[in-house]
PDB file of N, CA and C in Angstrom:
ATOM      1  N   MET A   1     282.807  57.672 170.927  1.00  0.00           N
ATOM      2  CA  MET A   1     282.043  58.464 170.885  1.00  0.00           C
ATOM      3  C   MET A   1     282.399  59.759 171.049  1.00  0.00           C
ATOM      4  N   ALA A   2     281.957  60.789 170.158  1.00  0.00           N
ATOM      5  CA  ALA A   2     282.571  62.048 170.240  1.00  0.00           C
ATOM      6  C   ALA A   2     281.509  62.669 171.113  1.00  0.00           C
ATOM      7  N   ALA A   3     282.172  63.782 172.009  1.00  0.00           N
ATOM      8  CA  ALA A   3     281.440  64.768 172.990  1.00  0.00           C
ATOM      9  C   ALA A   3     280.571  65.702 172.441  1.00  0.00           C
ATOM     10  N   LYS A   4     279.341  65.904 172.745  1.00  0.00           N
ATOM     11  CA  LYS A   4     278.594  66.874 171.976  1.00  0.00           C
ATOM     12  C   LYS A   4     278.880  68.134 172.693  1.00  0.00           C
ATOM     13  N   LYS A   5     279.343  69.211 171.756  1.00  0.00           N
ATOM     14  CA  LYS A   5     279.620  70.458 171.906  1.00  0.00           C
ATOM     15  C   LYS A   5     278.343  71.251 172.705  1.00  0.00           C
ATOM     16  N   GLU A   6     278.630  71.533 173.493  1.00  0.00           N
ATOM     17  CA  GLU A   6     277.555  72.812 174.252  1.00  0.00           C
ATOM     18  C   GLU A   6     277.796  74.116 173.413  1.00  0.00           C
ATOM     19  N   ARG A   7     276.572  74.303 173.124  1.00  0.00           N
ATOM     20  CA  ARG A   7     276.466  75.794 172.394  1.00  0.00           C
ATOM     21  C   ARG A   7     276.408  76.968 173.634  1.00  0.00           C
ATOM     22  N   PRO A   8     276.872  78.139 173.438  1.00  0.00           N
ATOM     23  CA  PRO A   8     276.483  79.176 174.713  1.00  0.00           C
ATOM     24  C   PRO A   8     275.543  79.910 174.293  1.00  0.00           C
ATOM     25  N   ALA A   9     274.797  80.227 175.564  1.00  0.00           N
ATOM     26  CA  ALA A   9     273.400  80.850 175.605  1.00  0.00           C
ATOM     27  C   ALA A   9     273.535  82.017 174.698  1.00  0.00           C
ATOM     28  N   PRO A  10     272.311  82.183 174.049  1.00  0.00           N
ATOM     29  CA  PRO A  10     272.603  83.756 173.009  1.00  0.00           C
ATOM     30  C   PRO A  10     272.576  84.670 174.309  1.00  0.00           C
ATOM     31  N   ALA A  11     273.221  86.042 173.920  1.00  0.00           N
ATOM     32  CA  ALA A  11     273.193  87.099 174.258  1.00  0.00           C
ATOM     33  C   ALA A  11     271.802  87.847 174.049  1.00  0.00           C
ATOM     34  N   LYS A  12     271.561  88.376 175.181  1.00  0.00           N
ATOM     35  CA  LYS A  12     270.448  89.202 175.278  1.00  0.00           C
ATOM     36  C   LYS A  12     270.708  90.393 174.337  1.00  0.00           C
ATOM     37  N   ALA A  13     269.553  90.925 173.725  1.00  0.00           N
ATOM     38  CA  ALA A  13     269.738  91.942 172.768  1.00  0.00           C
ATOM     39  C   ALA A  13     269.843  93.063 173.774  1.00  0.00           C
ATOM     40  N   PRO A  14     270.584  94.128 172.998  1.00  0.00           N
ATOM     41  CA  PRO A  14     270.503  95.274 173.853  1.00  0.00           C
ATOM     42  C   PRO A  14     269.405  96.375 173.759  1.00  0.00           C
ATOM     43  N   ARG A  15     268.647  96.886 174.598  1.00  0.00           N
ATOM     44  CA  ARG A  15     267.549  97.649 174.915  1.00  0.00           C
ATOM     45  C   ARG A  15     267.860  98.909 173.897  1.00  0.00           C
ATOM     46  N   THR A  16     267.067  99.321 173.098  1.00  0.00           N
ATOM     47  CA  THR A  16     267.032 100.448 172.372  1.00  0.00           C
ATOM     48  C   THR A  16     266.559 101.747 172.783  1.00  0.00           C
ATOM     49  N   THR A  17     266.081 101.416 173.931  1.00  0.00           N
ATOM     50  CA  THR A  17     265.325 102.663 174.605  1.00  0.00           C
ATOM     51  C   THR A  17     265.325 102.561 176.178  1.00  0.00           C
ATOM     52  N   LYS A  18     265.879 103.700 176.778  1.00  0.00           N
ATOM     53  CA  LYS A  18     265.723 103.467 178.061  1.00  0.00           C
ATOM     54  C   LYS A  18     264.025 103.590 178.757  1.00  0.00           C
ATOM     55  N   PRO A  19     263.672 103.276 179.772  1.00  0.00           N
ATOM     56  CA  PRO A  19     262.516 103.236 180.308  1.00  0.00           C
ATOM     57  C   PRO A  19     261.975 104.492 180.262  1.00  0.00           C
ATOM     58  N   ALA A  20     262.916 105.315 180.739  1.00  0.00           N
ATOM     59  CA  ALA A  20     262.090 106.949 181.013  1.00  0.00           C
ATOM     60  C   ALA A  20     261.816 107.054 179.717  1.00  0.00           C
ATOM     61  N   GLU A  21     262.280 106.918 178.550  1.00  0.00           N
ATOM     62  CA  GLU A  21     261.942 107.213 177.223  1.00  0.00           C
ATOM     63  C   GLU A  21     261.236 106.417 176.493  1.00  0.00           C
ATOM     64  N   ALA A  22     260.598 105.369 177.117  1.00  0.00           N
ATOM     65  CA  ALA A  22     259.443 104.922 176.495  1.00  0.00           C
ATOM     66  C   ALA A  22     258.462 105.383 175.976  1.00  0.00           C
ATOM     67  N   GLY A  23     257.955 106.367 177.062  1.00  0.00           N
ATOM     68  CA  GLY A  23     256.670 107.357 176.554  1.00  0.00           C
ATOM     69  C   GLY A  23     256.887 108.041 175.711  1.00  0.00           C
ATOM     70  N   LYS A  24     258.306 108.583 175.637  1.00  0.00           N
ATOM     71  CA  LYS A  24     258.663 109.347 174.379  1.00  0.00           C
ATOM     72  C   LYS A  24     258.624 108.743 173.052  1.00  0.00           C
ATOM     73  N   ALA A  25     258.666 107.312 173.027  1.00  0.00           N
ATOM     74  CA  ALA A  25     258.514 106.562 171.938  1.00  0.00           C
ATOM     75  C   ALA A  25     257.421 106.237 171.167  1.00  0.00           C
ATOM     76  N   GLY A  26     256.514 106.840 171.846  1.00  0.00           N
ATOM     77  CA  GLY A  26     255.346 106.465 171.413  1.00  0.00           C
ATOM     78  C   GLY A  26     254.299 105.914 172.127  1.00  0.00           C
ATOM     79  N   LEU A  27     254.767 105.425 173.248  1.00  0.00           N
ATOM     80  CA  LEU A  27     253.910 104.199 173.983  1.00  0.00           C
ATOM     81  C   LEU A  27     252.811 105.268 174.605  1.00  0.00           C
ATOM     82  N   ARG A  28     251.501 104.920 174.589  1.00  0.00           N
ATOM     83  CA  ARG A  28     250.606 105.737 175.326  1.00  0.00           C
ATOM     84  C   ARG A  28     250.040 105.094 176.752  1.00  0.00           C
ATOM     85  N   SER A  29     249.776 106.316 177.440  1.00  0.00           N
ATOM     86  CA  SER A  29     249.209 105.808 178.831  1.00  0.00           C
ATOM     87  C   SER A  29     247.781 104.993 178.717  1.00  0.00           C
ATOM     88  N   SER A  30     247.263 105.491 177.553  1.00  0.00           N
ATOM     89  CA  SER A  30     245.885 104.938 177.439  1.00  0.00           C
ATOM     90  C   SER A  30     245.868 103.464 177.163  1.00  0.00           C
ATOM     91  N   SER A  31     247.208 102.655 176.578  1.00  0.00           N
ATOM     92  CA  SER A  31     247.081 101.284 176.617  1.00  0.00           C
ATOM     93  C   SER A  31     247.525 100.519 178.034  1.00  0.00           C
ATOM     94  N   ILE A  32     247.643 101.655 178.931  1.00  0.00           N
ATOM     95  CA  ILE A  32     247.174 101.226 180.412  1.00  0.00           C
ATOM     96  C   ILE A  32     246.128 100.910 181.025  1.00  0.00           C
ATOM     97  N   SER A  33     245.514 100.070 181.965  1.00  0.00           N
ATOM     98  CA  SER A  33     244.161  99.984 182.582  1.00  0.00           C
ATOM     99  C   SER A  33     244.222 101.237 183.164  1.00  0.00           C
ATOM    100  N   SER A  34     242.863 101.714 183.435  1.00  0.00           N
ATOM    101  CA  SER A  34     242.838 102.957 184.065  1.00  0.00           C
ATOM    102  C   SER A  34     242.964 102.679 185.692  1.00  0.00           C
ATOM    103  N   ASN A  35     243.032 101.236 185.913  1.00  0.00           N
ATOM    104  CA  ASN A  35     242.966 100.693 187.642  1.00  0.00           C
ATOM    105  C   ASN A  35     244.302 100.729 187.628  1.00  0.00           C
ATOM    106  N   ALA A  36     245.204 100.569 187.015  1.00  0.00           N
ATOM    107  CA  ALA A  36     246.936 100.448 187.313  1.00  0.00           C
ATOM    108  C   ALA A  36     247.536 101.145 188.051  1.00  0.00           C
ATOM    109  N   ARG A  37     247.952 100.818 188.864  1.00  0.00           N
ATOM    110  CA  ARG A  37     248.606 101.564 190.084  1.00  0.00           C
ATOM    111  C   ARG A  37     250.217 101.275 189.779  1.00  0.00           C
ATOM    112  N   ALA A  38     250.908 102.377 189.722  1.00  0.00           N
ATOM    113  CA  ALA A  38     252.511 102.173 189.664  1.00  0.00           C
ATOM    114  C   ALA A  38     253.007 102.181 191.344  1.00  0.00           C
ATOM    115  N   GLU A  39     253.673 101.036 191.533  1.00  0.00           N
ATOM    116  CA  GLU A  39     254.493 101.247 192.984  1.00  0.00           C
ATOM    117  C   GLU A  39     255.703 101.632 192.700  1.00  0.00           C
ATOM    118  N   VAL A  40     255.895 102.763 193.424  1.00  0.00           N
ATOM    119  CA  VAL A  40     256.895 103.648 193.429  1.00  0.00           C
ATOM    120  C   VAL A  40     257.818 104.124 194.626  1.00  0.00           C
ATOM    121  N   SER A  41     258.784 103.803 195.038  1.00  0.00           N
ATOM    122  CA  SER A  41     259.242 104.053 196.187  1.00  0.00           C
ATOM    123  C   SER A  41     259.566 105.477 196.405  1.00  0.00           C
ATOM    124  N   PRO A  42     259.801 106.032 197.644  1.00  0.00           N
ATOM    125  CA  PRO A  42     259.919 107.512 197.868  1.00  0.00           C
ATOM    126  C   PRO A  42     260.955 108.018 197.168  1.00  0.00           C
ATOM    127  N   ASP A  43     262.082 107.150 196.822  1.00  0.00           N
ATOM    128  CA  ASP A  43     263.156 107.781 196.473  1.00  0.00           C
ATOM    129  C   ASP A  43     262.894 108.094 194.743  1.00  0.00           C
ATOM    130  N   GLU A  44     262.766 106.941 194.385  1.00  0.00           N
ATOM    131  CA  GLU A  44     261.769 107.342 192.654  1.00  0.00           C
ATOM    132  C   GLU A  44     260.975 108.178 192.521  1.00  0.00           C
ATOM    133  N   LEU A  45     259.809 108.565 193.510  1.00  0.00           N
ATOM    134  CA  LEU A  45     258.820 109.577 193.344  1.00  0.00           C
ATOM    135  C   LEU A  45     259.734 110.951 193.513  1.00  0.00           C
ATOM    136  N   ARG A  46     260.576 111.201 194.493  1.00  0.00           N
ATOM    137  CA  ARG A  46     261.127 112.453 194.667  1.00  0.00           C
ATOM    138  C   ARG A  46     262.364 112.361 193.107  1.00  0.00           C
ATOM    139  N   LYS A  47     262.718 111.731 192.857  1.00  0.00           N
ATOM    140  CA  LYS A  47     263.474 111.883 191.336  1.00  0.00           C
ATOM    141  C   LYS A  47     262.374 112.177 189.948  1.00  0.00           C
ATOM    142  N   LEU A  48     261.395 111.739 190.291  1.00  0.00           N
ATOM    143  CA  LEU A  48     260.291 112.129 188.987  1.00  0.00           C
ATOM    144  C   LEU A  48     259.744 113.527 189.419  1.00  0.00           C
ATOM    145  N   VAL A  49     259.557 113.809 190.831  1.00  0.00           N
ATOM    146  CA  VAL A  49     259.244 115.036 190.869  1.00  0.00           C
ATOM    147  C   VAL A  49     260.351 115.979 190.351  1.00  0.00           C
ATOM    148  N   SER A  50     261.349 115.700 191.049  1.00  0.00           N
ATOM    149  CA  SER A  50     262.581 116.636 190.691  1.00  0.00           C
ATOM    150  C   SER A  50     262.547 116.858 189.112  1.00  0.00           C
ATOM    151  N   GLU A  51     262.476 115.981 188.652  1.00  0.00           N
ATOM    152  CA  GLU A  51     262.538 115.821 187.058  1.00  0.00           C
ATOM    153  C   GLU A  51     261.528 116.660 186.570  1.00  0.00           C
ATOM    154  N   ALA A  52     260.293 116.970 186.674  1.00  0.00           N
ATOM    155  CA  ALA A  52     259.407 117.509 186.402  1.00  0.00           C
ATOM    156  C   ALA A  52     259.399 118.512 186.589  1.00  0.00           C
ATOM    157  N   ALA A  53     259.929 119.031 188.241  1.00  0.00           N
ATOM    158  CA  ALA A  53     260.061 120.474 188.288  1.00  0.00           C
ATOM    159  C   ALA A  53     261.084 121.008 187.697  1.00  0.00           C
ATOM    160  N   TYR A  54     261.835 120.477 187.450  1.00  0.00           N
ATOM    161  CA  TYR A  54     263.064 120.818 186.439  1.00  0.00           C
ATOM    162  C   TYR A  54     262.631 121.356 184.958  1.00  0.00           C
ATOM    163  N   TYR A  55     261.772 120.844 184.594  1.00  0.00           N
ATOM    164  CA  TYR A  55     261.217 121.035 183.130  1.00  0.00           C
ATOM    165  C   TYR A  55     260.248 122.350 183.355  1.00  0.00           C
ATOM    166  N   ARG A  56     259.444 122.199 184.217  1.00  0.00           N
ATOM    167  CA  ARG A  56     258.828 123.324 184.443  1.00  0.00           C
ATOM    168  C   ARG A  56     259.823 124.428 184.778  1.00  0.00           C
ATOM    169  N   ALA A  57     260.475 124.588 185.347  1.00  0.00           N
ATOM    170  CA  ALA A  57     261.643 125.735 185.522  1.00  0.00           C
ATOM    171  C   ALA A  57     262.137 126.076 183.968  1.00  0.00           C
ATOM    172  N   LYS A  58     262.499 125.255 183.437  1.00  0.00           N
ATOM    173  CA  LYS A  58     263.293 125.518 181.983  1.00  0.00           C
ATOM    174  C   LYS A  58     261.958 125.967 181.133  1.00  0.00           C
ATOM    175  N   GLN A  59     261.211 125.715 180.993  1.00  0.00           N
ATOM    176  CA  GLN A  59     259.898 126.061 180.208  1.00  0.00           C
ATOM    177  C   GLN A  59     259.610 127.512 180.583  1.00  0.00           C
ATOM    178  N   ARG A  60     259.906 128.118 181.650  1.00  0.00           N
ATOM    179  CA  ARG A  60     259.428 129.451 182.037  1.00  0.00           C
ATOM    180  C   ARG A  60     260.960 130.434 182.221  1.00  0.00           C
ATOM    181  N   GLY A  61     261.872 129.647 181.623  1.00  0.00           N
ATOM    182  CA  GLY A  61     263.171 130.217 181.767  1.00  0.00           C
ATOM    183  C   GLY A  61     264.215 130.514 182.772  1.00  0.00           C
ATOM    184  N   PHE A  62     264.004 129.925 183.781  1.00  0.00           N
ATOM    185  CA  PHE A  62     264.722 129.173 184.748  1.00  0.00           C
ATOM    186  C   PHE A  62     264.234 130.872 186.048  1.00  0.00           C
ATOM    187  N   THR A  63     263.322 131.625 185.834  1.00  0.00           N
ATOM    188  CA  THR A  63     263.201 132.578 186.519  1.00  0.00           C
ATOM    189  C   THR A  63     263.102 132.576 188.140  1.00  0.00           C
ATOM    190  N   PRO A  64     263.941 133.090 188.709  1.00  0.00           N
ATOM    191  CA  PRO A  64     264.082 132.872 190.407  1.00  0.00           C
ATOM    192  C   PRO A  64     262.655 133.214 190.894  1.00  0.00           C
ATOM    193  N   GLY A  65     262.557 132.718 191.979  1.00  0.00           N
ATOM    194  CA  GLY A  65     261.403 132.763 192.963  1.00  0.00           C
ATOM    195  C   GLY A  65     260.113 131.847 192.630  1.00  0.00           C
ATOM    196  N   HIS A  66     260.195 130.955 191.735  1.00  0.00           N
ATOM    197  CA  HIS A  66     258.932 129.953 191.492  1.00  0.00           C
ATOM    198  C   HIS A  66     259.242 128.613 191.848  1.00  0.00           C
ATOM    199  N   GLU A  67     259.839 128.472 192.383  1.00  0.00           N
ATOM    200  CA  GLU A  67     260.562 127.171 192.959  1.00  0.00           C
ATOM    201  C   GLU A  67     259.703 126.152 193.630  1.00  0.00           C
ATOM    202  N   MET A  68     259.049 127.015 194.504  1.00  0.00           N
ATOM    203  CA  MET A  68     258.151 125.882 195.147  1.00  0.00           C
ATOM    204  C   MET A  68     257.023 125.798 194.330  1.00  0.00           C
ATOM    205  N   GLU A  69     256.503 126.671 193.577  1.00  0.00           N
ATOM    206  CA  GLU A  69     255.435 126.379 192.868  1.00  0.00           C
ATOM    207  C   GLU A  69     255.481 125.356 191.636  1.00  0.00           C
ATOM    208  N   ASP A  70     256.964 125.378 191.316  1.00  0.00           N
ATOM    209  CA  ASP A  70     257.070 124.214 190.342  1.00  0.00           C
ATOM    210  C   ASP A  70     256.875 123.313 190.871  1.00  0.00           C
ATOM    211  N   TRP A  71     257.882 123.023 192.237  1.00  0.00           N
ATOM    212  CA  TRP A  71     257.615 121.463 192.890  1.00  0.00           C
ATOM    213  C   TRP A  71     256.012 121.108 193.210  1.00  0.00           C
ATOM    214  N   ILE A  72     255.413 122.240 193.531  1.00  0.00           N
ATOM    215  CA  ILE A  72     254.166 121.468 193.943  1.00  0.00           C
ATOM    216  C   ILE A  72     253.256 121.177 192.749  1.00  0.00           C
ATOM    217  N   GLN A  73     253.203 121.648 191.844  1.00  0.00           N
ATOM    218  CA  GLN A  73     252.969 121.191 190.430  1.00  0.00           C
ATOM    219  C   GLN A  73     253.297 119.945 190.053  1.00  0.00           C
ATOM    220  N   ALA A  74     254.750 120.004 190.024  1.00  0.00           N
ATOM    221  CA  ALA A  74     255.317 118.913 189.521  1.00  0.00           C
ATOM    222  C   ALA A  74     254.926 117.614 190.367  1.00  0.00           C
ATOM    223  N   GLU A  75     254.579 117.766 191.459  1.00  0.00           N
ATOM    224  CA  GLU A  75     254.080 116.676 192.522  1.00  0.00           C
ATOM    225  C   GLU A  75     252.759 116.262 192.385  1.00  0.00           C
ATOM    226  N   ALA A  76     252.186 117.451 191.959  1.00  0.00           N
ATOM    227  CA  ALA A  76     250.886 116.944 192.018  1.00  0.00           C
ATOM    228  C   ALA A  76     250.567 116.001 190.483  1.00  0.00           C
ATOM    229  N   GLU A  77     251.344 116.812 189.487  1.00  0.00           N
ATOM    230  CA  GLU A  77     251.476 116.184 188.229  1.00  0.00           C
ATOM    231  C   GLU A  77     251.842 114.424 188.464  1.00  0.00           C
ATOM    232  N   VAL A  78     252.779 114.211 188.927  1.00  0.00           N
ATOM    233  CA  VAL A  78     253.613 113.152 189.118  1.00  0.00           C
ATOM    234  C   VAL A  78     252.781 112.035 189.531  1.00  0.00           C
ATOM    235  N   LEU A  79     252.010 112.675 190.639  1.00  0.00           N
ATOM    236  CA  LEU A  79     251.164 111.764 191.582  1.00  0.00           C
ATOM    237  C   LEU A  79     249.729 111.190 190.721  1.00  0.00           C
ATOM    238  N   ARG A  80     249.374 112.387 189.972  1.00  0.00           N
ATOM    239  CA  ARG A  80     248.255 111.983 189.022  1.00  0.00           C
ATOM    240  C   ARG A  80     248.442 110.904 188.012  1.00  0.00           C
ATOM    241  N   ARG A  81     249.979 110.952 187.553  1.00  0.00           N
ATOM    242  CA  ARG A  81     250.147 110.273 186.283  1.00  0.00           C
ATOM    243  C   ARG A  81     250.438 108.563 187.168  1.00  0.00           C
ATOM    244  N   ILE A  82     251.074 108.600 188.299  1.00  0.00           N
ATOM    245  CA  ILE A  82     251.426 107.324 188.822  1.00  0.00           C
ATOM    246  C   ILE A  82     250.035 106.795 189.152  1.00  0.00           C
ATOM    247  N   GLY A  83     248.846 107.703 189.292  1.00  0.00           N
ATOM    248  CA  GLY A  83     247.902 106.930 190.041  1.00  0.00           C
ATOM    249  C   GLY A  83     247.774 106.912 191.452  1.00  0.00           C
ATOM    250  N   ALA A  84     248.467 107.726 192.209  1.00  0.00           N
ATOM    251  CA  ALA A  84     248.410 107.595 193.612  1.00  0.00           C
ATOM    252  C   ALA A  84     247.339 108.093 194.238  1.00  0.00           C
ATOM    253  N   ASP A  85     247.125 107.869 195.446  1.00  0.00           N
ATOM    254  CA  ASP A  85     246.311 108.714 196.281  1.00  0.00           C
ATOM    255  C   ASP A  85     246.769 110.000 196.981  1.00  0.00           C
ATOM    256  N   GLY A  86     248.155 110.566 196.759  1.00  0.00           N
ATOM    257  CA  GLY A  86     248.877 111.343 197.405  1.00  0.00           C
ATOM    258  C   GLY A  86     249.686 111.326 198.446  1.00  0.00           C
ATOM    259  N   THR A  87     249.695 109.910 198.734  1.00  0.00           N
ATOM    260  CA  THR A  87     250.749 109.345 200.018  1.00  0.00           C
ATOM    261  C   THR A  87     251.403 108.667 199.468  1.00  0.00           C
ATOM    262  N   PRO A  88     252.802 108.916 199.583  1.00  0.00           N
ATOM    263  CA  PRO A  88     254.161 107.828 199.034  1.00  0.00           C
ATOM    264  C   PRO A  88     253.951 106.490 199.560  1.00  0.00           C
ATOM    265  N   ARG A  89     254.362 105.637 198.775  1.00  0.00           N
ATOM    266  CA  ARG A  89     254.384 104.152 199.375  1.00  0.00           C
ATOM    267  C   ARG A  89     255.787 103.699 199.968  1.00  0.00           C
ATOM    268  N   ARG A  90     255.605 102.878 200.583  1.00  0.00           N
ATOM    269  CA  ARG A  90     256.815 102.269 201.169  1.00  0.00           C
ATOM    270  C   ARG A  90     257.156 101.138 201.392  1.00  0.00           C
TER     271      ARG A  90
END
């Protein structure tokens, strides 16, 4: 009898968008339950806040002297969006 040929497993389809771009691609946060909470590590939280602060600074033309204000507002925005109670998760 002839041996049966094994077919290789199908390759995974490449991602079309990065997770960070998913929100820009038209996904709405309203599709997520209002009770949903994101589990975000301190490093991830810092990265999200840093990016949000950068975009705030960019929006006002990177005028110096507002860095702390940008950071605080960005932090509040990120914490509100992820549904955190204000304390980073460990």
